[in-house]
Amino acid sequence: KGEELSTQDAALEKSLLEGPSPAAASAVSVQQEDKEDFLSNIDP
C-alpha cells in the first residue's frame, strides 16, 4: 500500500521539480533578515 502525498508534500515536490521560484527565494531572504533583526534586538 503506497502512501499518498499530503498537499504540502506534493507542493514541495512540485516546487523542487520546477526549481527555485523568485517568490520562494524572496520569502527565504525575508525570513533570514527577520531572524537577524530578532537576534540583534536581543542584545542589550
N, C-alpha and C. Protein backbone atom coordinates (compact mmCIF):
# COMPACT_ATOMS: atom_id res chain seq x y z
N LYS A 1 0.85 -1.21 0.00
CA LYS A 1 0.00 0.00 0.00
C LYS A 1 0.88 1.25 0.00
N GLY A 2 0.75 2.04 -1.03
CA GLY A 2 1.56 3.25 -1.10
C GLY A 2 0.93 4.40 -0.33
N GLU A 3 1.79 5.24 0.19
CA GLU A 3 1.27 6.39 0.93
C GLU A 3 0.97 7.53 -0.05
N GLU A 4 -0.15 8.20 0.18
CA GLU A 4 -0.47 9.35 -0.67
C GLU A 4 0.27 10.57 -0.14
N LEU A 5 0.73 11.40 -1.06
CA LEU A 5 1.40 12.62 -0.64
C LEU A 5 0.38 13.59 -0.07
N SER A 6 0.75 14.24 1.01
CA SER A 6 -0.12 15.28 1.53
C SER A 6 -0.03 16.48 0.59
N THR A 7 -0.95 17.41 0.73
CA THR A 7 -0.95 18.58 -0.14
C THR A 7 0.37 19.34 -0.01
N GLN A 8 0.87 19.43 1.22
CA GLN A 8 2.12 20.16 1.45
C GLN A 8 3.29 19.44 0.79
N ASP A 9 3.34 18.12 0.95
CA ASP A 9 4.42 17.35 0.34
C ASP A 9 4.37 17.45 -1.18
N ALA A 10 3.16 17.40 -1.74
CA ALA A 10 3.01 17.48 -3.19
C ALA A 10 3.48 18.84 -3.69
N ALA A 11 3.15 19.89 -2.96
CA ALA A 11 3.56 21.23 -3.36
C ALA A 11 5.08 21.37 -3.27
N LEU A 12 5.65 20.78 -2.22
CA LEU A 12 7.10 20.85 -2.05
C LEU A 12 7.80 20.11 -3.19
N GLU A 13 7.30 18.92 -3.51
CA GLU A 13 7.90 18.15 -4.59
C GLU A 13 7.79 18.92 -5.90
N LYS A 14 6.64 19.53 -6.14
CA LYS A 14 6.43 20.29 -7.37
C LYS A 14 7.41 21.46 -7.44
N SER A 15 7.59 22.15 -6.32
CA SER A 15 8.49 23.31 -6.31
C SER A 15 9.93 22.86 -6.54
N LEU A 16 10.29 21.70 -5.99
CA LEU A 16 11.65 21.20 -6.19
C LEU A 16 11.88 20.82 -7.64
N LEU A 17 10.86 20.21 -8.25
CA LEU A 17 10.99 19.80 -9.65
C LEU A 17 11.07 21.02 -10.56
N GLU A 18 10.32 22.05 -10.22
CA GLU A 18 10.30 23.25 -11.07
C GLU A 18 11.51 24.13 -10.83
N GLY A 19 12.17 23.94 -9.71
CA GLY A 19 13.31 24.76 -9.39
C GLY A 19 12.88 25.95 -8.55
N PRO A 20 13.84 26.69 -8.03
CA PRO A 20 13.54 27.82 -7.15
C PRO A 20 12.76 28.91 -7.88
N SER A 21 11.74 29.41 -7.23
CA SER A 21 10.95 30.50 -7.81
C SER A 21 11.35 31.80 -7.14
N PRO A 22 11.18 32.93 -7.81
CA PRO A 22 11.50 34.23 -7.20
C PRO A 22 10.76 34.43 -5.89
N ALA A 23 9.51 33.98 -5.83
CA ALA A 23 8.72 34.16 -4.60
C ALA A 23 9.34 33.38 -3.45
N ALA A 24 9.74 32.14 -3.72
CA ALA A 24 10.33 31.31 -2.67
C ALA A 24 11.67 31.91 -2.23
N ALA A 25 12.45 32.39 -3.17
CA ALA A 25 13.75 32.96 -2.85
C ALA A 25 13.57 34.22 -1.99
N SER A 26 12.60 35.06 -2.34
CA SER A 26 12.39 36.28 -1.58
C SER A 26 11.85 35.95 -0.19
N ALA A 27 11.02 34.91 -0.09
CA ALA A 27 10.48 34.52 1.21
C ALA A 27 11.61 34.07 2.13
N VAL A 28 12.56 33.31 1.59
CA VAL A 28 13.68 32.83 2.38
C VAL A 28 14.55 34.01 2.83
N SER A 29 14.81 34.96 1.94
CA SER A 29 15.66 36.09 2.29
C SER A 29 14.98 36.95 3.35
N VAL A 30 13.66 37.09 3.27
CA VAL A 30 12.94 37.87 4.27
C VAL A 30 13.01 37.19 5.63
N GLN A 31 12.87 35.86 5.65
CA GLN A 31 12.95 35.13 6.90
C GLN A 31 14.34 35.30 7.52
N GLN A 32 15.37 35.25 6.69
CA GLN A 32 16.73 35.40 7.20
C GLN A 32 16.93 36.81 7.77
N GLU A 33 16.40 37.82 7.10
CA GLU A 33 16.54 39.18 7.59
C GLU A 33 15.81 39.34 8.92
N ASP A 34 14.59 38.76 9.00
CA ASP A 34 13.83 38.84 10.24
C ASP A 34 14.59 38.18 11.38
N LYS A 35 15.22 37.04 11.09
CA LYS A 35 15.95 36.32 12.13
C LYS A 35 17.14 37.16 12.60
N GLU A 36 17.84 37.79 11.67
CA GLU A 36 18.99 38.61 12.04
C GLU A 36 18.54 39.81 12.87
N ASP A 37 17.42 40.43 12.47
CA ASP A 37 16.91 41.56 13.24
C ASP A 37 16.54 41.11 14.65
N PHE A 38 15.89 39.94 14.73
CA PHE A 38 15.47 39.41 16.02
C PHE A 38 16.67 39.16 16.91
N LEU A 39 17.72 38.54 16.36
CA LEU A 39 18.91 38.24 17.15
C LEU A 39 19.61 39.52 17.59
N SER A 40 19.66 40.51 16.71
CA SER A 40 20.34 41.75 17.05
C SER A 40 19.55 42.54 18.09
N ASN A 41 18.22 42.38 18.09
CA ASN A 41 17.39 43.11 19.04
C ASN A 41 17.45 42.49 20.43
N ILE A 42 17.94 41.25 20.54
CA ILE A 42 18.05 40.60 21.85
C ILE A 42 19.17 41.24 22.66
N ASP A 43 20.23 41.63 21.99
CA ASP A 43 21.38 42.20 22.70
C ASP A 43 20.98 43.49 23.41
N PRO A 44 21.40 43.65 24.65
CA PRO A 44 21.06 44.87 25.42
C PRO A 44 21.79 46.09 24.88
